């Protein structure tokens, strides 16, 4: 996909840290991203940009997400809207859908869950996403089909749990860069608590057992001492 043809995403979110994290991760995947920090600004930018999809927080200053959504639909703007909500009550979600939301994610969420929902909405609306055009990434004799969520080693399909697969995709997406345990927890499981970092180690050990020729001496899924994990490709 060329840069000029990449899908455009408007994120309307007043939490600066969350907005920055979303922008960073979405841009890594090849999307064009713009941030609006309040409802009024978000509505204005939606009219100007006509983005391919809007990621909309419900709890916003100026105009809340419900009012933004209602105004968008009343003005005939039909792009998909994915709402972010800390509310778990069914009535809040139903209200969002009745106002024209296409999907929702409840905070806290893992970044991979949000990515998958963004991709699904783009696919339904007929807009190509970077993930849809991704060639099957590989390392060693392992081939990963991200769209089909399948992994093959030396031509034989390897069954991974959903979390193992998500963890592998995060490492693949970093293209050899080190990813900390806390970052993996945030992106794969939606957690930030350091006390849970052992969860990452356990899942990495399982990935090595399933994908490395010798799990005790891994060649690809590597530990970066006191930093995290990284994926090494043959070219290194």
Protein backbone atom coordinates (compact mmCIF):
# COMPACT_ATOMS: atom_id res chain seq x y z
CA UNK A 1 0.00 0.00 0.00
CA UNK A 2 1.37 3.41 -0.90
CA UNK A 3 1.53 6.14 1.69
CA UNK A 4 -1.01 8.20 -0.22
CA UNK A 5 -3.49 5.32 -0.21
CA UNK A 6 -3.18 4.31 3.44
CA UNK A 7 -6.29 4.33 5.56
CA UNK A 8 -6.85 7.53 7.55
CA UNK A 9 -7.90 7.28 11.20
CA UNK A 10 -9.16 10.08 13.43
CA UNK A 11 -8.68 9.36 17.14
CA UNK A 12 -10.84 11.54 19.41
CA UNK A 13 -9.42 10.98 22.89
CA UNK A 14 -8.60 13.44 25.69
CA UNK A 15 -6.19 11.19 27.60
CA UNK A 16 -2.83 12.31 26.20
CA UNK A 17 -0.94 9.12 27.10
CA UNK A 18 -3.59 6.87 25.59
CA UNK A 19 -3.93 9.03 22.48
CA UNK A 20 -0.15 9.02 21.98
CA UNK A 21 -0.01 5.23 22.43
CA UNK A 22 -2.81 4.67 19.94
CA UNK A 23 -1.24 7.00 17.40
CA UNK A 24 2.17 5.37 17.76
CA UNK A 25 0.87 1.83 17.35
CA UNK A 26 -1.50 2.66 14.49
CA UNK A 27 1.23 4.51 12.60
CA UNK A 28 3.61 1.57 13.09
CA UNK A 29 0.99 -0.53 11.26
CA UNK A 30 0.95 1.93 8.36
CA UNK A 31 -2.17 3.97 9.09
CA UNK A 32 -2.37 7.74 8.78
CA UNK A 33 -3.50 9.08 12.17
CA UNK A 34 -4.75 12.43 13.49
CA UNK A 35 -5.61 13.17 17.13
CA UNK A 36 -8.31 15.45 18.51
CA UNK A 37 -8.34 16.06 22.27
CA UNK A 38 -11.98 17.10 22.77
CA UNK A 39 -15.39 16.53 21.24
CA UNK A 40 -15.72 19.90 19.49
CA UNK A 41 -12.30 19.62 17.86
CA UNK A 42 -13.00 16.02 16.94
CA UNK A 43 -16.26 16.89 15.24
CA UNK A 44 -14.57 19.73 13.34
CA UNK A 45 -11.72 17.48 12.14
CA UNK A 46 -14.15 14.73 11.14
CA UNK A 47 -15.96 17.19 8.88
CA UNK A 48 -12.69 18.45 7.38
CA UNK A 49 -10.86 15.16 6.95
CA UNK A 50 -13.64 12.66 6.21
CA UNK A 51 -11.44 9.92 7.71
CA UNK A 52 -11.89 6.26 6.82
CA UNK A 53 -12.63 5.42 10.46
CA UNK A 54 -13.05 7.28 13.75
CA UNK A 55 -11.91 5.95 17.13
CA UNK A 56 -14.09 7.87 19.59
CA UNK A 57 -13.87 8.07 23.37
CA UNK A 58 -17.23 8.56 25.06
CA UNK A 59 -16.02 10.65 28.03
CA UNK A 60 -14.77 13.85 26.39
CA UNK A 61 -14.60 17.54 27.34
CA UNK A 62 -16.66 20.10 25.40
CA UNK A 63 -18.90 17.55 23.67
CA UNK A 64 -19.13 13.98 24.96
CA UNK A 65 -18.79 11.07 22.56
CA UNK A 66 -22.52 10.45 22.36
CA UNK A 67 -23.19 13.99 21.15
CA UNK A 68 -20.31 13.82 18.68
CA UNK A 69 -21.66 10.55 17.30
CA UNK A 70 -25.21 11.87 17.03
CA UNK A 71 -24.02 14.99 15.19
CA UNK A 72 -21.89 12.98 12.77
CA UNK A 73 -24.79 10.79 11.77
CA UNK A 74 -27.27 13.68 11.56
CA UNK A 75 -24.90 15.38 9.12
CA UNK A 76 -24.74 12.27 6.96
CA UNK A 77 -21.16 11.32 7.80
CA UNK A 78 -21.23 7.54 7.49
CA UNK A 79 -17.63 6.45 8.15
CA UNK A 80 -17.27 3.59 10.70
CA UNK A 81 -17.01 4.67 14.33
CA UNK A 82 -15.35 2.54 16.99
CA UNK A 83 -16.18 3.80 20.47
CA UNK A 84 -13.89 3.52 23.49
CA UNK A 85 -15.68 3.26 26.79
CA UNK A 86 -14.80 2.60 30.41
CA UNK A 87 -18.45 1.85 31.02
CA UNK A 88 -19.49 -1.79 31.17
CA UNK A 89 -23.24 -1.28 31.49
CA UNK A 90 -25.16 -2.77 28.58
CA UNK A 91 -27.37 0.33 28.34
CA UNK A 92 -24.36 2.52 27.48
CA UNK A 93 -23.31 0.22 24.67
CA UNK A 94 -26.86 -0.03 23.34
CA UNK A 95 -27.11 3.76 23.35
CA UNK A 96 -23.91 3.99 21.35
CA UNK A 97 -25.16 1.52 18.74
CA UNK A 98 -28.51 3.31 18.45
CA UNK A 99 -26.67 6.57 17.75
CA UNK A 100 -24.74 4.92 14.95
CA UNK A 101 -21.60 3.33 16.44
CA UNK A 102 -20.26 0.34 14.52
CA UNK A 103 -18.30 -1.35 17.30
CA UNK A 104 -16.87 -0.69 20.76
CA UNK A 105 -13.89 -1.57 22.95
CA UNK A 106 -14.09 -1.43 26.74
CA UNK A 107 -11.17 0.06 28.66
CA UNK A 108 -8.69 -1.25 29.59
CA UNK A 109 -8.05 -3.02 26.29
CA UNK A 110 -5.13 -4.66 24.55
CA UNK A 111 -3.83 -2.81 21.51
CA UNK A 112 -4.12 -5.95 19.37
CA UNK A 113 -7.82 -6.17 20.13
CA UNK A 114 -8.29 -2.59 18.97
CA UNK A 115 -6.18 -3.22 15.85
CA UNK A 116 -8.28 -6.25 14.96
CA UNK A 117 -11.52 -4.29 15.33
CA UNK A 118 -10.19 -1.38 13.27
CA UNK A 119 -9.13 -3.78 10.54
CA UNK A 120 -12.52 -5.53 10.57
CA UNK A 121 -14.39 -2.23 10.26
CA UNK A 122 -12.16 -1.10 7.39
CA UNK A 123 -12.66 -4.42 5.64
CA UNK A 124 -16.44 -4.15 5.99
CA UNK A 125 -16.39 -0.61 4.60
CA UNK A 126 -14.25 -1.65 1.64
CA UNK A 127 -11.13 0.29 2.66
CA UNK A 128 -7.83 -1.56 2.42
CA UNK A 129 -5.84 -1.69 5.65
CA UNK A 130 -2.09 -2.24 5.94
CA UNK A 131 -2.63 -5.55 7.73
CA UNK A 132 -4.79 -6.86 4.88
CA UNK A 133 -1.94 -6.42 2.40
CA UNK A 134 0.80 -7.74 4.66
CA UNK A 135 2.87 -10.52 3.12
CA UNK A 136 3.17 -13.59 5.27
CA UNK A 137 6.08 -12.73 7.61
CA UNK A 138 8.70 -15.38 8.26
CA UNK A 139 11.71 -16.19 10.40
CA UNK A 140 13.75 -19.34 10.04
CA UNK A 141 11.39 -22.04 8.78
CA UNK A 142 8.36 -20.41 10.45
CA UNK A 143 5.69 -18.72 8.33
CA UNK A 144 2.90 -16.59 9.85
CA UNK A 145 -0.38 -15.77 8.14
CA UNK A 146 -1.64 -12.81 10.17
CA UNK A 147 -5.03 -12.57 8.44
CA UNK A 148 -5.78 -16.28 8.85
CA UNK A 149 -4.12 -16.41 12.30
CA UNK A 150 -2.16 -19.51 11.37
CA UNK A 151 1.48 -20.47 11.88
CA UNK A 152 3.47 -23.10 10.01
CA UNK A 153 6.90 -24.48 10.83
CA UNK A 154 8.63 -26.37 8.03
CA UNK A 155 5.24 -26.60 6.33
CA UNK A 156 3.46 -28.10 9.34
CA UNK A 157 0.73 -26.09 11.06
CA UNK A 158 1.53 -25.21 14.67
CA UNK A 159 -1.39 -24.58 17.00
CA UNK A 160 -0.96 -21.48 19.14
CA UNK A 161 -3.33 -20.16 21.77
CA UNK A 162 -4.87 -16.74 20.99
CA UNK A 163 -2.50 -15.00 23.43
CA UNK A 164 0.55 -16.83 22.07
CA UNK A 165 -0.39 -15.74 18.56
CA UNK A 166 -0.99 -12.14 19.64
CA UNK A 167 2.37 -12.10 21.42
CA UNK A 168 4.09 -13.39 18.29
CA UNK A 169 2.44 -10.72 16.14
CA UNK A 170 3.60 -7.93 18.46
CA UNK A 171 7.18 -9.20 18.21
CA UNK A 172 6.87 -9.48 14.42
CA UNK A 173 5.51 -5.95 14.17
CA UNK A 174 8.55 -4.55 15.99
CA UNK A 175 10.79 -5.89 13.21
CA UNK A 176 13.62 -6.94 15.49
CA UNK A 177 13.36 -4.14 18.07
CA UNK A 178 13.25 -5.00 21.77
CA UNK A 179 9.82 -4.94 23.42
CA UNK A 180 9.68 -4.67 27.21
CA UNK A 181 7.62 -7.05 29.31
CA UNK A 182 5.39 -4.19 30.46
CA UNK A 183 4.77 -3.13 26.88
CA UNK A 184 3.90 -6.69 25.91
CA UNK A 185 1.49 -6.91 28.83
CA UNK A 186 -0.16 -3.68 27.73
CA UNK A 187 -0.43 -4.59 24.04
CA UNK A 188 -1.37 -8.26 24.35
CA UNK A 189 -3.27 -8.47 27.62
CA UNK A 190 -4.25 -4.84 28.26
CA UNK A 191 -2.46 -4.78 31.62
CA UNK A 192 0.22 -2.45 32.96
CA UNK A 193 0.93 -3.96 36.40
CA UNK A 194 4.53 -5.10 36.78
CA UNK A 195 3.53 -7.92 39.13
CA UNK A 196 2.11 -9.76 36.13
CA UNK A 197 5.26 -9.81 34.02
CA UNK A 198 5.75 -13.52 34.70
CA UNK A 199 2.78 -14.07 32.41
CA UNK A 200 4.87 -12.84 29.49
CA UNK A 201 7.78 -15.12 30.35
CA UNK A 202 5.48 -18.14 30.49
CA UNK A 203 3.99 -17.40 27.07
CA UNK A 204 7.41 -16.73 25.54
CA UNK A 205 8.59 -20.09 26.85
CA UNK A 206 5.62 -21.76 25.14
CA UNK A 207 6.34 -19.96 21.86
CA UNK A 208 9.92 -21.17 22.02
CA UNK A 209 8.81 -24.72 22.77
CA UNK A 210 6.53 -24.71 19.72
CA UNK A 211 8.61 -22.71 17.23
CA UNK A 212 12.30 -23.06 18.07
CA UNK A 213 14.34 -26.10 17.01
CA UNK A 214 16.01 -26.09 20.41
CA UNK A 215 13.93 -24.13 22.96
CA UNK A 216 16.80 -24.15 25.46
CA UNK A 217 19.01 -22.35 22.91
CA UNK A 218 16.60 -20.15 20.95
CA UNK A 219 17.80 -18.64 17.67
CA UNK A 220 14.86 -16.33 16.98
CA UNK A 221 12.75 -15.50 20.06
CA UNK A 222 15.47 -13.85 22.10
CA UNK A 223 15.72 -12.37 25.58
CA UNK A 224 17.19 -8.88 25.85
CA UNK A 225 18.74 -8.92 29.32
CA UNK A 226 16.87 -6.67 31.76
CA UNK A 227 14.91 -5.19 28.84
CA UNK A 228 12.42 -7.63 27.31
CA UNK A 229 12.23 -9.74 24.17
CA UNK A 230 12.94 -9.39 20.48
CA UNK A 231 12.59 -11.46 17.33
CA UNK A 232 15.72 -12.17 15.27
CA UNK A 233 15.49 -12.91 11.57
CA UNK A 234 17.86 -15.02 9.48
CA UNK A 235 19.41 -11.95 7.85
CA UNK A 236 20.97 -11.02 11.20
